[in-house]
Amino acid sequence: MSSMNELKYWVVGGEYESTDFQSVIKGREVASGPFFSRDEALRVWRQLSEVNRPCALTKYSIATQA
């Protein structure tokens, strides 16, 4: 059971409209989580990044939530 003080991790991103990575294309956004360890979030981030490597407009990040 997690306590209120533990961080939660999310993998967020998707396919963006341009390489300035400001606006995700509607319907192409991804939010995966919460994960209760950074290692678990990193594993998912790597999987998503590998699958979408050929697309220069796709980007994912790991976000935290207290």
PDB file of N, CA and C in Angstrom:
ATOM      1  N   MET A   1       0.847  -1.178   0.000  1.00  0.00           N
ATOM      2  CA  MET A   1       0.000   0.000   0.000  1.00  0.00           C
ATOM      3  C   MET A   1       0.892   1.240   0.000  1.00  0.00           C
ATOM      4  N   SER A   2       0.572   2.222  -0.872  1.00  0.00           N
ATOM      5  CA  SER A   2       1.414   3.420  -0.946  1.00  0.00           C
ATOM      6  C   SER A   2       0.899   4.486   0.005  1.00  0.00           C
ATOM      7  N   SER A   3       1.834   5.252   0.531  1.00  0.00           N
ATOM      8  CA  SER A   3       1.451   6.340   1.431  1.00  0.00           C
ATOM      9  C   SER A   3       1.240   7.616   0.627  1.00  0.00           C
ATOM     10  N   MET A   4       0.655   8.610   1.262  1.00  0.00           N
ATOM     11  CA  MET A   4       0.369   9.873   0.594  1.00  0.00           C
ATOM     12  C   MET A   4       1.632  10.618   0.179  1.00  0.00           C
ATOM     13  N   ASN A   5       2.789  10.305   0.769  1.00  0.00           N
ATOM     14  CA  ASN A   5       4.023  11.023   0.490  1.00  0.00           C
ATOM     15  C   ASN A   5       4.843  10.406  -0.631  1.00  0.00           C
ATOM     16  N   GLU A   6       4.431   9.257  -1.147  1.00  0.00           N
ATOM     17  CA  GLU A   6       5.191   8.607  -2.205  1.00  0.00           C
ATOM     18  C   GLU A   6       4.888   9.253  -3.549  1.00  0.00           C
ATOM     19  N   LEU A   7       5.927   9.360  -4.371  1.00  0.00           N
ATOM     20  CA  LEU A   7       5.746   9.901  -5.711  1.00  0.00           C
ATOM     21  C   LEU A   7       5.083   8.874  -6.612  1.00  0.00           C
ATOM     22  N   LYS A   8       4.283   9.358  -7.535  1.00  0.00           N
ATOM     23  CA  LYS A   8       3.724   8.543  -8.602  1.00  0.00           C
ATOM     24  C   LYS A   8       4.342   9.052  -9.890  1.00  0.00           C
ATOM     25  N   TYR A   9       4.530   8.152 -10.828  1.00  0.00           N
ATOM     26  CA  TYR A   9       5.164   8.492 -12.100  1.00  0.00           C
ATOM     27  C   TYR A   9       4.199   8.202 -13.243  1.00  0.00           C
ATOM     28  N   TRP A  10       4.213   9.066 -14.251  1.00  0.00           N
ATOM     29  CA  TRP A  10       3.383   8.933 -15.445  1.00  0.00           C
ATOM     30  C   TRP A  10       4.271   9.073 -16.669  1.00  0.00           C
ATOM     31  N   VAL A  11       3.974   8.315 -17.707  1.00  0.00           N
ATOM     32  CA  VAL A  11       4.626   8.501 -18.997  1.00  0.00           C
ATOM     33  C   VAL A  11       3.619   9.238 -19.873  1.00  0.00           C
ATOM     34  N   VAL A  12       4.006  10.412 -20.340  1.00  0.00           N
ATOM     35  CA  VAL A  12       3.100  11.266 -21.118  1.00  0.00           C
ATOM     36  C   VAL A  12       3.768  11.702 -22.414  1.00  0.00           C
ATOM     37  N   GLY A  13       2.957  11.973 -23.410  1.00  0.00           N
ATOM     38  CA  GLY A  13       3.482  12.455 -24.678  1.00  0.00           C
ATOM     39  C   GLY A  13       2.607  11.996 -25.816  1.00  0.00           C
ATOM     40  N   GLY A  14       3.244  11.721 -26.943  1.00  0.00           N
ATOM     41  CA  GLY A  14       2.527  11.280 -28.123  1.00  0.00           C
ATOM     42  C   GLY A  14       3.134  11.883 -29.369  1.00  0.00           C
ATOM     43  N   GLU A  15       2.298  11.981 -30.411  1.00  0.00           N
ATOM     44  CA  GLU A  15       2.749  12.564 -31.673  1.00  0.00           C
ATOM     45  C   GLU A  15       2.366  14.041 -31.688  1.00  0.00           C
ATOM     46  N   TYR A  16       3.347  14.891 -31.908  1.00  0.00           N
ATOM     47  CA  TYR A  16       3.161  16.342 -31.877  1.00  0.00           C
ATOM     48  C   TYR A  16       2.975  16.905 -33.283  1.00  0.00           C
ATOM     49  N   GLU A  17       2.422  18.105 -33.334  1.00  0.00           N
ATOM     50  CA  GLU A  17       2.173  18.775 -34.618  1.00  0.00           C
ATOM     51  C   GLU A  17       3.457  19.220 -35.302  1.00  0.00           C
ATOM     52  N   SER A  18       4.486  19.570 -34.518  1.00  0.00           N
ATOM     53  CA  SER A  18       5.759  20.015 -35.082  1.00  0.00           C
ATOM     54  C   SER A  18       6.884  19.698 -34.094  1.00  0.00           C
ATOM     55  N   THR A  19       8.099  19.947 -34.539  1.00  0.00           N
ATOM     56  CA  THR A  19       9.255  19.643 -33.697  1.00  0.00           C
ATOM     57  C   THR A  19       9.487  20.630 -32.564  1.00  0.00           C
ATOM     58  N   ASP A  20       8.596  21.601 -32.389  1.00  0.00           N
ATOM     59  CA  ASP A  20       8.700  22.440 -31.190  1.00  0.00           C
ATOM     60  C   ASP A  20       8.042  21.737 -29.988  1.00  0.00           C
ATOM     61  N   PHE A  21       7.343  20.617 -30.239  1.00  0.00           N
ATOM     62  CA  PHE A  21       6.748  19.763 -29.203  1.00  0.00           C
ATOM     63  C   PHE A  21       5.848  20.540 -28.241  1.00  0.00           C
ATOM     64  N   GLN A  22       5.040  21.453 -28.793  1.00  0.00           N
ATOM     65  CA  GLN A  22       4.125  22.236 -27.966  1.00  0.00           C
ATOM     66  C   GLN A  22       2.700  21.686 -27.972  1.00  0.00           C
ATOM     67  N   SER A  23       2.259  21.124 -29.100  1.00  0.00           N
ATOM     68  CA  SER A  23       0.873  20.671 -29.229  1.00  0.00           C
ATOM     69  C   SER A  23       0.818  19.234 -29.731  1.00  0.00           C
ATOM     70  N   VAL A  24       0.218  18.363 -28.911  1.00  0.00           N
ATOM     71  CA  VAL A  24       0.041  16.964 -29.312  1.00  0.00           C
ATOM     72  C   VAL A  24      -1.153  16.893 -30.262  1.00  0.00           C
ATOM     73  N   ILE A  25      -1.039  16.073 -31.298  1.00  0.00           N
ATOM     74  CA  ILE A  25      -2.143  15.879 -32.230  1.00  0.00           C
ATOM     75  C   ILE A  25      -3.278  15.175 -31.493  1.00  0.00           C
ATOM     76  N   LYS A  26      -4.477  15.734 -31.601  1.00  0.00           N
ATOM     77  CA  LYS A  26      -5.643  15.164 -30.929  1.00  0.00           C
ATOM     78  C   LYS A  26      -5.835  13.707 -31.355  1.00  0.00           C
ATOM     79  N   GLY A  27      -6.001  12.854 -30.355  1.00  0.00           N
ATOM     80  CA  GLY A  27      -6.160  11.432 -30.603  1.00  0.00           C
ATOM     81  C   GLY A  27      -4.852  10.665 -30.631  1.00  0.00           C
ATOM     82  N   ARG A  28      -3.720  11.373 -30.598  1.00  0.00           N
ATOM     83  CA  ARG A  28      -2.396  10.734 -30.638  1.00  0.00           C
ATOM     84  C   ARG A  28      -1.643  10.909 -29.322  1.00  0.00           C
ATOM     85  N   GLU A  29      -2.353  11.419 -28.292  1.00  0.00           N
ATOM     86  CA  GLU A  29      -1.712  11.632 -26.996  1.00  0.00           C
ATOM     87  C   GLU A  29      -1.689  10.324 -26.198  1.00  0.00           C
ATOM     88  N   VAL A  30      -0.696  10.234 -25.292  1.00  0.00           N
ATOM     89  CA  VAL A  30      -0.526   9.059 -24.443  1.00  0.00           C
ATOM     90  C   VAL A  30      -0.309   9.524 -23.009  1.00  0.00           C
ATOM     91  N   ALA A  31      -1.008   8.901 -22.088  1.00  0.00           N
ATOM     92  CA  ALA A  31      -0.768   9.087 -20.657  1.00  0.00           C
ATOM     93  C   ALA A  31      -0.859   7.699 -20.038  1.00  0.00           C
ATOM     94  N   SER A  32       0.252   7.203 -19.562  1.00  0.00           N
ATOM     95  CA  SER A  32       0.308   5.854 -19.011  1.00  0.00           C
ATOM     96  C   SER A  32       0.763   5.916 -17.559  1.00  0.00           C
ATOM     97  N   GLY A  33       0.044   5.241 -16.689  1.00  0.00           N
ATOM     98  CA  GLY A  33       0.390   5.245 -15.272  1.00  0.00           C
ATOM     99  C   GLY A  33      -0.860   5.244 -14.438  1.00  0.00           C
ATOM    100  N   PRO A  34      -0.754   5.441 -13.176  1.00  0.00           N
ATOM    101  CA  PRO A  34       0.468   5.791 -12.447  1.00  0.00           C
ATOM    102  C   PRO A  34       1.345   4.568 -12.192  1.00  0.00           C
ATOM    103  N   PHE A  35       2.626   4.847 -12.089  1.00  0.00           N
ATOM    104  CA  PHE A  35       3.618   3.847 -11.693  1.00  0.00           C
ATOM    105  C   PHE A  35       4.156   4.275 -10.337  1.00  0.00           C
ATOM    106  N   PHE A  36       4.482   3.320  -9.512  1.00  0.00           N
ATOM    107  CA  PHE A  36       4.930   3.633  -8.156  1.00  0.00           C
ATOM    108  C   PHE A  36       6.438   3.522  -7.990  1.00  0.00           C
ATOM    109  N   SER A  37       7.134   3.290  -9.127  1.00  0.00           N
ATOM    110  CA  SER A  37       8.592   3.364  -9.117  1.00  0.00           C
ATOM    111  C   SER A  37       9.052   4.001 -10.423  1.00  0.00           C
ATOM    112  N   ARG A  38      10.148   4.734 -10.337  1.00  0.00           N
ATOM    113  CA  ARG A  38      10.683   5.383 -11.535  1.00  0.00           C
ATOM    114  C   ARG A  38      11.171   4.331 -12.523  1.00  0.00           C
ATOM    115  N   ASP A  39      11.696   3.226 -12.032  1.00  0.00           N
ATOM    116  CA  ASP A  39      12.170   2.153 -12.908  1.00  0.00           C
ATOM    117  C   ASP A  39      11.044   1.587 -13.767  1.00  0.00           C
ATOM    118  N   GLU A  40       9.874   1.422 -13.182  1.00  0.00           N
ATOM    119  CA  GLU A  40       8.724   0.904 -13.931  1.00  0.00           C
ATOM    120  C   GLU A  40       8.305   1.913 -15.007  1.00  0.00           C
ATOM    121  N   ALA A  41       8.268   3.184 -14.667  1.00  0.00           N
ATOM    122  CA  ALA A  41       7.930   4.219 -15.643  1.00  0.00           C
ATOM    123  C   ALA A  41       8.986   4.290 -16.747  1.00  0.00           C
ATOM    124  N   LEU A  42      10.238   4.148 -16.384  1.00  0.00           N
ATOM    125  CA  LEU A  42      11.329   4.177 -17.357  1.00  0.00           C
ATOM    126  C   LEU A  42      11.219   3.009 -18.337  1.00  0.00           C
ATOM    127  N   ARG A  43      10.815   1.856 -17.850  1.00  0.00           N
ATOM    128  CA  ARG A  43      10.630   0.690 -18.716  1.00  0.00           C
ATOM    129  C   ARG A  43       9.552   0.974 -19.767  1.00  0.00           C
ATOM    130  N   VAL A  44       8.429   1.545 -19.347  1.00  0.00           N
ATOM    131  CA  VAL A  44       7.342   1.878 -20.272  1.00  0.00           C
ATOM    132  C   VAL A  44       7.783   2.981 -21.233  1.00  0.00           C
ATOM    133  N   TRP A  45       8.495   3.989 -20.732  1.00  0.00           N
ATOM    134  CA  TRP A  45       9.014   5.059 -21.582  1.00  0.00           C
ATOM    135  C   TRP A  45       9.909   4.486 -22.683  1.00  0.00           C
ATOM    136  N   ARG A  46      10.791   3.557 -22.312  1.00  0.00           N
ATOM    137  CA  ARG A  46      11.689   2.937 -23.306  1.00  0.00           C
ATOM    138  C   ARG A  46      10.897   2.166 -24.358  1.00  0.00           C
ATOM    139  N   GLN A  47       9.893   1.402 -23.908  1.00  0.00           N
ATOM    140  CA  GLN A  47       9.075   0.639 -24.854  1.00  0.00           C
ATOM    141  C   GLN A  47       8.392   1.570 -25.855  1.00  0.00           C
ATOM    142  N   LEU A  48       7.741   2.605 -25.372  1.00  0.00           N
ATOM    143  CA  LEU A  48       7.056   3.552 -26.254  1.00  0.00           C
ATOM    144  C   LEU A  48       8.042   4.249 -27.182  1.00  0.00           C
ATOM    145  N   SER A  49       9.187   4.638 -26.662  1.00  0.00           N
ATOM    146  CA  SER A  49      10.188   5.340 -27.458  1.00  0.00           C
ATOM    147  C   SER A  49      10.755   4.450 -28.556  1.00  0.00           C
ATOM    148  N   GLU A  50      10.990   3.180 -28.249  1.00  0.00           N
ATOM    149  CA  GLU A  50      11.533   2.240 -29.240  1.00  0.00           C
ATOM    150  C   GLU A  50      10.536   1.997 -30.366  1.00  0.00           C
ATOM    151  N   VAL A  51       9.279   1.791 -30.019  1.00  0.00           N
ATOM    152  CA  VAL A  51       8.243   1.516 -31.016  1.00  0.00           C
ATOM    153  C   VAL A  51       8.078   2.696 -31.965  1.00  0.00           C
ATOM    154  N   ASN A  52       8.199   3.909 -31.445  1.00  0.00           N
ATOM    155  CA  ASN A  52       7.954   5.112 -32.232  1.00  0.00           C
ATOM    156  C   ASN A  52       9.216   5.834 -32.672  1.00  0.00           C
ATOM    157  N   ARG A  53      10.345   5.180 -32.599  1.00  0.00           N
ATOM    158  CA  ARG A  53      11.628   5.803 -32.945  1.00  0.00           C
ATOM    159  C   ARG A  53      11.664   6.411 -34.343  1.00  0.00           C
ATOM    160  N   PRO A  54      11.071   5.783 -35.361  1.00  0.00           N
ATOM    161  CA  PRO A  54      11.158   6.365 -36.708  1.00  0.00           C
ATOM    162  C   PRO A  54      10.410   7.698 -36.872  1.00  0.00           C
ATOM    163  N   CYS A  55       9.543   8.052 -35.958  1.00  0.00           N
ATOM    164  CA  CYS A  55       8.744   9.277 -36.090  1.00  0.00           C
ATOM    165  C   CYS A  55       9.401  10.419 -35.318  1.00  0.00           C
ATOM    166  N   ALA A  56       9.929  11.409 -36.039  1.00  0.00           N
ATOM    167  CA  ALA A  56      10.610  12.544 -35.405  1.00  0.00           C
ATOM    168  C   ALA A  56       9.668  13.444 -34.615  1.00  0.00           C
ATOM    169  N   LEU A  57       8.359  13.293 -34.816  1.00  0.00           N
ATOM    170  CA  LEU A  57       7.394  14.146 -34.129  1.00  0.00           C
ATOM    171  C   LEU A  57       6.815  13.491 -32.880  1.00  0.00           C
ATOM    172  N   THR A  58       7.335  12.338 -32.501  1.00  0.00           N
ATOM    173  CA  THR A  58       6.841  11.625 -31.329  1.00  0.00           C
ATOM    174  C   THR A  58       7.832  11.780 -30.181  1.00  0.00           C
ATOM    175  N   LYS A  59       7.300  12.128 -29.018  1.00  0.00           N
ATOM    176  CA  LYS A  59       8.149  12.353 -27.848  1.00  0.00           C
ATOM    177  C   LYS A  59       7.379  11.952 -26.590  1.00  0.00           C
ATOM    178  N   TYR A  60       8.082  11.338 -25.644  1.00  0.00           N
ATOM    179  CA  TYR A  60       7.496  10.944 -24.365  1.00  0.00           C
ATOM    180  C   TYR A  60       8.384  11.446 -23.232  1.00  0.00           C
ATOM    181  N   SER A  61       7.768  11.751 -22.115  1.00  0.00           N
ATOM    182  CA  SER A  61       8.478  12.200 -20.925  1.00  0.00           C
ATOM    183  C   SER A  61       7.920  11.470 -19.716  1.00  0.00           C
ATOM    184  N   ILE A  62       8.712  11.460 -18.653  1.00  0.00           N
ATOM    185  CA  ILE A  62       8.240  10.916 -17.370  1.00  0.00           C
ATOM    186  C   ILE A  62       7.910  12.097 -16.465  1.00  0.00           C
ATOM    187  N   ALA A  63       6.671  12.135 -16.012  1.00  0.00           N
ATOM    188  CA  ALA A  63       6.213  13.198 -15.113  1.00  0.00           C
ATOM    189  C   ALA A  63       5.984  12.597 -13.733  1.00  0.00           C
ATOM    190  N   THR A  64       6.149  13.412 -12.699  1.00  0.00           N
ATOM    191  CA  THR A  64       5.926  12.933 -11.334  1.00  0.00           C
ATOM    192  C   THR A  64       4.752  13.671 -10.714  1.00  0.00           C
ATOM    193  N   GLN A  65       4.128  12.978  -9.775  1.00  0.00           N
ATOM    194  CA  GLN A  65       3.007  13.535  -9.021  1.00  0.00           C
ATOM    195  C   GLN A  65       3.207  13.145  -7.563  1.00  0.00           C
ATOM    196  N   ALA A  66       3.151  14.117  -6.673  1.00  0.00           N
ATOM    197  CA  ALA A  66       3.314  13.832  -5.252  1.00  0.00           C
ATOM    198  C   ALA A  66       2.020  13.337  -4.652  1.00  0.00           C
TER     199      ALA A  66
END
